Amino acid sequence: MSRIPHILIVDDDREIRNLLMRFLTEHGFRVTPAADGRGMQSALKNGRFDLIVLDLMLPGEDGLQLCRKIRQDMSIPILMLTALSGEADRILGLEIGADDYLTKPFSPRELVARIKAILRRAASASDQDSDRPQAYSFGGWILEIGKRHLRSPDGALLPLTSGEFDLLIAFAEHPQRVLSRDQLLDLTRGRSTVLFDRSIDVQVSRLRKKIELDPNMPDLIKTVRSGGYIFTPEVKALQAA
């Protein structure tokens, strides 16, 4: 029997929390609610979750601050709820580490569809990981597949969002080759969700901040004008001993 996906809902509106809890439970999810950042942190300490639905506007620490905190040491998928619209706001959500976003007001059915799409991608990535090497190394960095995190040349661990991890995997498996944004979209999340070319640019920018000595003058992930991006280092596949 497969495990029931566990969703953490963080929203200060009790009516919305109750609505989403009822609707997600009816669609086969296990749901835990939290009204604010403190409740979220308590839930994360005491439970295992497959995805967080995180409202942007919260009392105390807002969704942006909480997302940044989560991303310091966790790669759990985050779906951001926001009353904001427009590409700039979508990019902002991606920049802080959200995996997807949904603009209020929204249909609960659309929320369920987005959650299922994110979980399918996570499951597919896990299946693909089992067929991959134990790790990839490049320029002193080690990308550990099973743990889905990055180890720096000095041994420090850097957690990656699912989007960052998928993008770095795509680069590691296609080094020294120009990849267009469309190719990178297909190699990472595919076309199963509402994505846009700028999302790749945002993920590249986030990766550069983590692995480049100078993100403004990158050596590892170079931009190819009118072409896309190229991952320049030599990549080695590492197998288990």
C-alpha atoms as a PDB file:
ATOM      1  CA  MET A   1       0.000   0.000   0.000  1.00  0.00           C
ATOM      2  CA  SER A   2       1.451   3.346  -1.054  1.00  0.00           C
ATOM      3  CA  ARG A   3       1.961   6.116   1.480  1.00  0.00           C
ATOM      4  CA  ILE A   4      -0.630   8.902   1.495  1.00  0.00           C
ATOM      5  CA  PRO A   5       0.988  12.237   0.525  1.00  0.00           C
ATOM      6  CA  HIS A   6       1.168  14.615   3.488  1.00  0.00           C
ATOM      7  CA  ILE A   7       0.498  18.297   2.736  1.00  0.00           C
ATOM      8  CA  LEU A   8       1.230  21.199   5.095  1.00  0.00           C
ATOM      9  CA  ILE A   9      -1.084  24.187   4.561  1.00  0.00           C
ATOM     10  CA  VAL A  10       0.155  27.521   5.938  1.00  0.00           C
ATOM     11  CA  ASP A  11      -2.515  30.222   5.726  1.00  0.00           C
ATOM     12  CA  ASP A  12      -3.827  32.636   8.348  1.00  0.00           C
ATOM     13  CA  ASP A  13      -7.364  32.614   6.926  1.00  0.00           C
ATOM     14  CA  ARG A  14      -9.272  29.938   8.854  1.00  0.00           C
ATOM     15  CA  GLU A  15     -11.978  29.622   6.188  1.00  0.00           C
ATOM     16  CA  ILE A  16      -9.401  29.002   3.472  1.00  0.00           C
ATOM     17  CA  ARG A  17      -7.529  26.504   5.669  1.00  0.00           C
ATOM     18  CA  ASN A  18     -10.714  24.584   6.405  1.00  0.00           C
ATOM     19  CA  LEU A  19     -11.792  24.639   2.766  1.00  0.00           C
ATOM     20  CA  LEU A  20      -8.435  23.374   1.545  1.00  0.00           C
ATOM     21  CA  MET A  21      -8.195  20.755   4.293  1.00  0.00           C
ATOM     22  CA  ARG A  22     -11.609  19.377   3.398  1.00  0.00           C
ATOM     23  CA  PHE A  23     -11.016  19.445  -0.351  1.00  0.00           C
ATOM     24  CA  LEU A  24      -7.518  17.921  -0.211  1.00  0.00           C
ATOM     25  CA  THR A  25      -8.649  15.233   2.220  1.00  0.00           C
ATOM     26  CA  GLU A  26     -11.485  14.321  -0.147  1.00  0.00           C
ATOM     27  CA  HIS A  27      -8.880  13.906  -2.891  1.00  0.00           C
ATOM     28  CA  GLY A  28      -6.766  11.462  -0.934  1.00  0.00           C
ATOM     29  CA  PHE A  29      -4.241  13.678   0.832  1.00  0.00           C
ATOM     30  CA  ARG A  30      -3.289  13.807   4.482  1.00  0.00           C
ATOM     31  CA  VAL A  31      -3.368  17.448   5.582  1.00  0.00           C
ATOM     32  CA  THR A  32      -1.899  19.405   8.500  1.00  0.00           C
ATOM     33  CA  PRO A  33      -2.825  23.104   8.941  1.00  0.00           C
ATOM     34  CA  ALA A  34      -0.790  25.995  10.317  1.00  0.00           C
ATOM     35  CA  ALA A  35      -1.879  29.608  10.739  1.00  0.00           C
ATOM     36  CA  ASP A  36       1.554  31.251  10.715  1.00  0.00           C
ATOM     37  CA  GLY A  37       5.303  30.731  10.646  1.00  0.00           C
ATOM     38  CA  ARG A  38       5.474  29.511  14.221  1.00  0.00           C
ATOM     39  CA  GLY A  39       2.861  26.859  13.526  1.00  0.00           C
ATOM     40  CA  MET A  40       4.682  25.878  10.351  1.00  0.00           C
ATOM     41  CA  GLN A  41       8.018  25.448  12.114  1.00  0.00           C
ATOM     42  CA  SER A  42       6.376  23.331  14.825  1.00  0.00           C
ATOM     43  CA  ALA A  43       4.730  21.110  12.215  1.00  0.00           C
ATOM     44  CA  LEU A  44       7.996  20.652  10.299  1.00  0.00           C
ATOM     45  CA  LYS A  45       9.783  19.593  13.476  1.00  0.00           C
ATOM     46  CA  ASN A  46       7.153  17.002  14.323  1.00  0.00           C
ATOM     47  CA  GLY A  47       6.121  15.584  10.965  1.00  0.00           C
ATOM     48  CA  ARG A  48       7.233  14.522   7.519  1.00  0.00           C
ATOM     49  CA  PHE A  49       5.676  16.380   4.614  1.00  0.00           C
ATOM     50  CA  ASP A  50       5.675  15.922   0.857  1.00  0.00           C
ATOM     51  CA  LEU A  51       4.702  19.498  -0.033  1.00  0.00           C
ATOM     52  CA  ILE A  52       3.978  22.860   1.604  1.00  0.00           C
ATOM     53  CA  VAL A  53       1.170  25.146   0.436  1.00  0.00           C
ATOM     54  CA  LEU A  54       2.416  28.514   1.694  1.00  0.00           C
ATOM     55  CA  ASP A  55       0.452  31.765   1.656  1.00  0.00           C
ATOM     56  CA  LEU A  56       2.424  34.876   0.807  1.00  0.00           C
ATOM     57  CA  MET A  57       0.624  37.266   3.169  1.00  0.00           C
ATOM     58  CA  LEU A  58       0.966  36.007   6.742  1.00  0.00           C
ATOM     59  CA  PRO A  59       1.093  37.725  10.134  1.00  0.00           C
ATOM     60  CA  GLY A  60       4.604  38.077  11.531  1.00  0.00           C
ATOM     61  CA  GLU A  61       7.020  36.522   9.077  1.00  0.00           C
ATOM     62  CA  ASP A  62       5.500  36.535   5.614  1.00  0.00           C
ATOM     63  CA  GLY A  63       5.636  33.774   3.040  1.00  0.00           C
ATOM     64  CA  LEU A  64       8.778  35.141   1.414  1.00  0.00           C
ATOM     65  CA  GLN A  65      10.721  35.097   4.676  1.00  0.00           C
ATOM     66  CA  LEU A  66       9.450  31.631   5.575  1.00  0.00           C
ATOM     67  CA  CYS A  67      10.300  30.264   2.137  1.00  0.00           C
ATOM     68  CA  ARG A  68      13.846  31.548   2.463  1.00  0.00           C
ATOM     69  CA  LYS A  69      14.155  29.885   5.882  1.00  0.00           C
ATOM     70  CA  ILE A  70      12.890  26.575   4.550  1.00  0.00           C
ATOM     71  CA  ARG A  71      15.329  26.701   1.672  1.00  0.00           C
ATOM     72  CA  GLN A  72      18.299  27.093   4.011  1.00  0.00           C
ATOM     73  CA  ASP A  73      18.179  23.408   4.882  1.00  0.00           C
ATOM     74  CA  MET A  74      15.222  21.729   3.161  1.00  0.00           C
ATOM     75  CA  SER A  75      14.325  20.924  -0.435  1.00  0.00           C
ATOM     76  CA  ILE A  76      10.657  20.062   0.171  1.00  0.00           C
ATOM     77  CA  PRO A  77       8.457  21.351  -2.694  1.00  0.00           C
ATOM     78  CA  ILE A  78       6.668  24.636  -1.991  1.00  0.00           C
ATOM     79  CA  LEU A  79       3.542  25.888  -3.750  1.00  0.00           C
ATOM     80  CA  MET A  80       3.084  29.579  -3.023  1.00  0.00           C
ATOM     81  CA  LEU A  81      -0.348  31.178  -2.760  1.00  0.00           C
ATOM     82  CA  THR A  82      -0.323  34.844  -3.686  1.00  0.00           C
ATOM     83  CA  ALA A  83      -2.779  37.650  -4.339  1.00  0.00           C
ATOM     84  CA  LEU A  84      -0.178  39.208  -6.635  1.00  0.00           C
ATOM     85  CA  SER A  85      -0.109  38.662 -10.372  1.00  0.00           C
ATOM     86  CA  GLY A  86       2.200  39.391 -13.249  1.00  0.00           C
ATOM     87  CA  GLU A  87       5.494  37.931 -14.411  1.00  0.00           C
ATOM     88  CA  ALA A  88       7.581  39.976 -11.981  1.00  0.00           C
ATOM     89  CA  ASP A  89       5.735  38.470  -9.034  1.00  0.00           C
ATOM     90  CA  ARG A  90       6.002  34.964 -10.435  1.00  0.00           C
ATOM     91  CA  ILE A  91       9.738  35.446 -10.842  1.00  0.00           C
ATOM     92  CA  LEU A  92       9.979  36.703  -7.274  1.00  0.00           C
ATOM     93  CA  GLY A  93       8.391  33.492  -6.044  1.00  0.00           C
ATOM     94  CA  LEU A  94      10.860  31.405  -8.013  1.00  0.00           C
ATOM     95  CA  GLU A  95      13.777  33.512  -6.830  1.00  0.00           C
ATOM     96  CA  ILE A  96      13.054  32.717  -3.197  1.00  0.00           C
ATOM     97  CA  GLY A  97      12.796  28.996  -3.920  1.00  0.00           C
ATOM     98  CA  ALA A  98       9.117  28.242  -4.559  1.00  0.00           C
ATOM     99  CA  ASP A  99       8.461  25.385  -6.982  1.00  0.00           C
ATOM    100  CA  ASP A 100       5.148  26.730  -8.243  1.00  0.00           C
ATOM    101  CA  TYR A 101       2.670  29.485  -7.507  1.00  0.00           C
ATOM    102  CA  LEU A 102      -1.091  29.968  -7.628  1.00  0.00           C
ATOM    103  CA  THR A 103      -2.792  33.359  -7.716  1.00  0.00           C
ATOM    104  CA  LYS A 104      -5.789  34.082  -5.495  1.00  0.00           C
ATOM    105  CA  PRO A 105      -8.673  33.680  -5.994  1.00  0.00           C
ATOM    106  CA  PHE A 106      -8.171  30.148  -7.288  1.00  0.00           C
ATOM    107  CA  SER A 107     -10.171  27.006  -7.827  1.00  0.00           C
ATOM    108  CA  PRO A 108      -9.507  24.251  -5.286  1.00  0.00           C
ATOM    109  CA  ARG A 109      -9.500  21.840  -8.224  1.00  0.00           C
ATOM    110  CA  GLU A 110      -6.641  23.779  -9.795  1.00  0.00           C
ATOM    111  CA  LEU A 111      -4.746  23.615  -6.510  1.00  0.00           C
ATOM    112  CA  VAL A 112      -5.193  19.832  -6.440  1.00  0.00           C
ATOM    113  CA  ALA A 113      -4.005  19.608 -10.047  1.00  0.00           C
ATOM    114  CA  ARG A 114      -0.895  21.692  -9.272  1.00  0.00           C
ATOM    115  CA  ILE A 115      -0.101  19.611  -6.181  1.00  0.00           C
ATOM    116  CA  LYS A 116      -0.468  16.352  -8.105  1.00  0.00           C
ATOM    117  CA  ALA A 117       1.763  17.681 -10.890  1.00  0.00           C
ATOM    118  CA  ILE A 118       4.493  18.666  -8.419  1.00  0.00           C
ATOM    119  CA  LEU A 119       4.311  15.299  -6.652  1.00  0.00           C
ATOM    120  CA  ARG A 120       4.437  13.455  -9.994  1.00  0.00           C
ATOM    121  CA  ARG A 121       7.580  15.365 -10.916  1.00  0.00           C
ATOM    122  CA  ALA A 122       9.117  14.532  -7.556  1.00  0.00           C
ATOM    123  CA  ALA A 123       8.259  10.832  -7.950  1.00  0.00           C
ATOM    124  CA  SER A 124       9.575  10.800 -11.522  1.00  0.00           C
ATOM    125  CA  ALA A 125      12.794  12.476 -10.401  1.00  0.00           C
ATOM    126  CA  SER A 126      13.181   9.877  -7.660  1.00  0.00           C
ATOM    127  CA  ASP A 127      12.741   7.050 -10.187  1.00  0.00           C
ATOM    128  CA  GLN A 128      15.274   8.642 -12.502  1.00  0.00           C
ATOM    129  CA  ASP A 129      17.698   9.117  -9.631  1.00  0.00           C
ATOM    130  CA  SER A 130      17.767   5.348  -9.042  1.00  0.00           C
ATOM    131  CA  ASP A 131      19.121   4.853 -12.577  1.00  0.00           C
ATOM    132  CA  ARG A 132      21.747   7.563 -12.257  1.00  0.00           C
ATOM    133  CA  PRO A 133      25.278   7.428 -10.849  1.00  0.00           C
ATOM    134  CA  GLN A 134      25.722   7.957  -7.138  1.00  0.00           C
ATOM    135  CA  ALA A 135      26.981  11.475  -7.812  1.00  0.00           C
ATOM    136  CA  TYR A 136      28.430  13.842 -10.387  1.00  0.00           C
ATOM    137  CA  SER A 137      31.594  15.847  -9.758  1.00  0.00           C
ATOM    138  CA  PHE A 138      32.669  19.047 -11.488  1.00  0.00           C
ATOM    139  CA  GLY A 139      35.233  21.659 -10.554  1.00  0.00           C
ATOM    140  CA  GLY A 140      35.543  20.304  -7.012  1.00  0.00           C
ATOM    141  CA  TRP A 141      31.772  20.271  -6.488  1.00  0.00           C
ATOM    142  CA  ILE A 142      29.869  17.022  -5.883  1.00  0.00           C
ATOM    143  CA  LEU A 143      26.187  16.703  -6.738  1.00  0.00           C
ATOM    144  CA  GLU A 144      24.845  13.830  -4.618  1.00  0.00           C
ATOM    145  CA  ILE A 145      21.888  12.205  -6.340  1.00  0.00           C
ATOM    146  CA  GLY A 146      20.209  10.221  -3.588  1.00  0.00           C
ATOM    147  CA  LYS A 147      20.402  13.015  -1.027  1.00  0.00           C
ATOM    148  CA  ARG A 148      19.568  15.609  -3.694  1.00  0.00           C
ATOM    149  CA  HIS A 149      22.038  18.160  -2.427  1.00  0.00           C
ATOM    150  CA  LEU A 150      25.312  19.754  -3.415  1.00  0.00           C
ATOM    151  CA  ARG A 151      28.649  19.494  -1.645  1.00  0.00           C
ATOM    152  CA  SER A 152      31.068  22.380  -2.120  1.00  0.00           C
ATOM    153  CA  PRO A 153      34.818  21.931  -2.713  1.00  0.00           C
ATOM    154  CA  ASP A 154      35.411  22.628   0.996  1.00  0.00           C
ATOM    155  CA  GLY A 155      32.882  19.981   2.031  1.00  0.00           C
ATOM    156  CA  ALA A 156      29.947  22.212   2.981  1.00  0.00           C
ATOM    157  CA  LEU A 157      26.464  20.961   2.123  1.00  0.00           C
ATOM    158  CA  LEU A 158      24.179  23.217   0.095  1.00  0.00           C
ATOM    159  CA  PRO A 159      20.506  22.210  -0.047  1.00  0.00           C
ATOM    160  CA  LEU A 160      18.915  22.693  -3.458  1.00  0.00           C
ATOM    161  CA  THR A 161      15.316  23.352  -4.377  1.00  0.00           C
ATOM    162  CA  SER A 162      13.778  20.727  -6.641  1.00  0.00           C
ATOM    163  CA  GLY A 163      14.032  23.176  -9.536  1.00  0.00           C
ATOM    164  CA  GLU A 164      17.700  23.918  -8.872  1.00  0.00           C
ATOM    165  CA  PHE A 165      18.496  20.231  -8.494  1.00  0.00           C
ATOM    166  CA  ASP A 166      16.710  19.277 -11.731  1.00  0.00           C
ATOM    167  CA  LEU A 167      18.467  22.065 -13.616  1.00  0.00           C
ATOM    168  CA  LEU A 168      21.903  21.140 -12.292  1.00  0.00           C
ATOM    169  CA  ILE A 169      21.264  17.495 -13.194  1.00  0.00           C
ATOM    170  CA  ALA A 170      20.372  18.584 -16.727  1.00  0.00           C
ATOM    171  CA  PHE A 171      23.623  20.546 -16.981  1.00  0.00           C
ATOM    172  CA  ALA A 172      25.696  17.736 -15.456  1.00  0.00           C
ATOM    173  CA  GLU A 173      24.288  15.208 -17.902  1.00  0.00           C
ATOM    174  CA  HIS A 174      24.822  17.512 -20.900  1.00  0.00           C
ATOM    175  CA  PRO A 175      28.122  19.297 -20.192  1.00  0.00           C
ATOM    176  CA  GLN A 176      29.944  21.489 -22.711  1.00  0.00           C
ATOM    177  CA  ARG A 177      26.868  21.629 -24.901  1.00  0.00           C
ATOM    178  CA  VAL A 178      24.625  24.616 -25.617  1.00  0.00           C
ATOM    179  CA  LEU A 179      21.137  24.028 -24.225  1.00  0.00           C
ATOM    180  CA  SER A 180      18.257  26.320 -25.164  1.00  0.00           C
ATOM    181  CA  ARG A 181      15.656  27.368 -22.635  1.00  0.00           C
ATOM    182  CA  ASP A 182      13.110  25.086 -24.304  1.00  0.00           C
ATOM    183  CA  GLN A 183      15.509  22.136 -24.009  1.00  0.00           C
ATOM    184  CA  LEU A 184      16.142  22.943 -20.352  1.00  0.00           C
ATOM    185  CA  LEU A 185      12.416  23.152 -19.670  1.00  0.00           C
ATOM    186  CA  ASP A 186      11.952  19.721 -21.253  1.00  0.00           C
ATOM    187  CA  LEU A 187      14.929  18.254 -19.383  1.00  0.00           C
ATOM    188  CA  THR A 188      13.759  19.570 -16.022  1.00  0.00           C
ATOM    189  CA  ARG A 189      10.020  19.925 -15.471  1.00  0.00           C
ATOM    190  CA  GLY A 190       8.726  19.174 -18.960  1.00  0.00           C
ATOM    191  CA  ARG A 191       5.552  20.884 -20.085  1.00  0.00           C
ATOM    192  CA  SER A 192       3.219  19.595 -17.386  1.00  0.00           C
ATOM    193  CA  THR A 193       2.853  22.914 -15.567  1.00  0.00           C
ATOM    194  CA  VAL A 194       2.506  26.583 -16.411  1.00  0.00           C
ATOM    195  CA  LEU A 195       6.095  27.590 -16.987  1.00  0.00           C
ATOM    196  CA  PHE A 196       7.756  30.372 -18.890  1.00  0.00           C
ATOM    197  CA  ASP A 197      11.229  30.944 -20.306  1.00  0.00           C
ATOM    198  CA  ARG A 198      12.176  33.395 -17.567  1.00  0.00           C
ATOM    199  CA  SER A 199      11.786  30.611 -14.976  1.00  0.00           C
ATOM    200  CA  ILE A 200      14.918  28.982 -16.396  1.00  0.00           C
ATOM    201  CA  ASP A 201      16.763  32.283 -16.161  1.00  0.00           C
ATOM    202  CA  VAL A 202      15.756  32.600 -12.510  1.00  0.00           C
ATOM    203  CA  GLN A 203      16.910  29.069 -11.671  1.00  0.00           C
ATOM    204  CA  VAL A 204      20.207  29.667 -13.460  1.00  0.00           C
ATOM    205  CA  SER A 205      20.679  32.875 -11.477  1.00  0.00           C
ATOM    206  CA  ARG A 206      20.031  30.991  -8.216  1.00  0.00           C
ATOM    207  CA  LEU A 207      22.510  28.261  -9.152  1.00  0.00           C
ATOM    208  CA  ARG A 208      25.158  30.793 -10.080  1.00  0.00           C
ATOM    209  CA  LYS A 209      24.855  32.398  -6.647  1.00  0.00           C
ATOM    210  CA  LYS A 210      25.609  29.006  -5.110  1.00  0.00           C
ATOM    211  CA  ILE A 211      28.413  27.672  -7.302  1.00  0.00           C
ATOM    212  CA  GLU A 212      30.141  30.597  -9.007  1.00  0.00           C
ATOM    213  CA  LEU A 213      32.984  32.572  -7.429  1.00  0.00           C
ATOM    214  CA  ASP A 214      31.475  35.662  -9.036  1.00  0.00           C
ATOM    215  CA  PRO A 215      27.855  35.164 -10.155  1.00  0.00           C
ATOM    216  CA  ASN A 216      28.110  38.310 -12.277  1.00  0.00           C
ATOM    217  CA  MET A 217      31.033  36.830 -14.243  1.00  0.00           C
ATOM    218  CA  PRO A 218      30.181  33.106 -14.300  1.00  0.00           C
ATOM    219  CA  ASP A 219      32.729  30.486 -15.305  1.00  0.00           C
ATOM    220  CA  LEU A 220      30.651  27.324 -14.870  1.00  0.00           C
ATOM    221  CA  ILE A 221      27.278  28.276 -16.371  1.00  0.00           C
ATOM    222  CA  LYS A 222      27.823  30.621 -19.286  1.00  0.00           C
ATOM    223  CA  THR A 223      25.167  32.435 -21.256  1.00  0.00           C
ATOM    224  CA  VAL A 224      25.176  31.894 -25.014  1.00  0.00           C
ATOM    225  CA  ARG A 225      23.586  34.863 -26.744  1.00  0.00           C
ATOM    226  CA  SER A 226      20.447  33.816 -28.653  1.00  0.00           C
ATOM    227  CA  GLY A 227      21.268  30.240 -27.765  1.00  0.00           C
ATOM    228  CA  GLY A 228      20.711  29.499 -24.096  1.00  0.00           C
ATOM    229  CA  TYR A 229      23.316  28.250 -21.631  1.00  0.00           C
ATOM    230  CA  ILE A 230      26.385  26.011 -21.593  1.00  0.00           C
ATOM    231  CA  PHE A 231      27.813  24.130 -18.608  1.00  0.00           C
ATOM    232  CA  THR A 232      31.563  24.441 -19.125  1.00  0.00           C
ATOM    233  CA  PRO A 233      33.348  22.133 -16.628  1.00  0.00           C
ATOM    234  CA  GLU A 234      34.333  18.543 -17.162  1.00  0.00           C
ATOM    235  CA  VAL A 235      31.828  16.297 -15.396  1.00  0.00           C
ATOM    236  CA  LYS A 236      32.593  12.881 -13.943  1.00  0.00           C
ATOM    237  CA  ALA A 237      30.063  10.279 -12.861  1.00  0.00           C
ATOM    238  CA  LEU A 238      30.821   8.762  -9.455  1.00  0.00           C
ATOM    239  CA  GLN A 239      29.621   5.257  -8.635  1.00  0.00           C
ATOM    240  CA  ALA A 240      29.130   3.689  -5.244  1.00  0.00           C
ATOM    241  CA  ALA A 241      32.217   1.966  -3.904  1.00  0.00           C
END
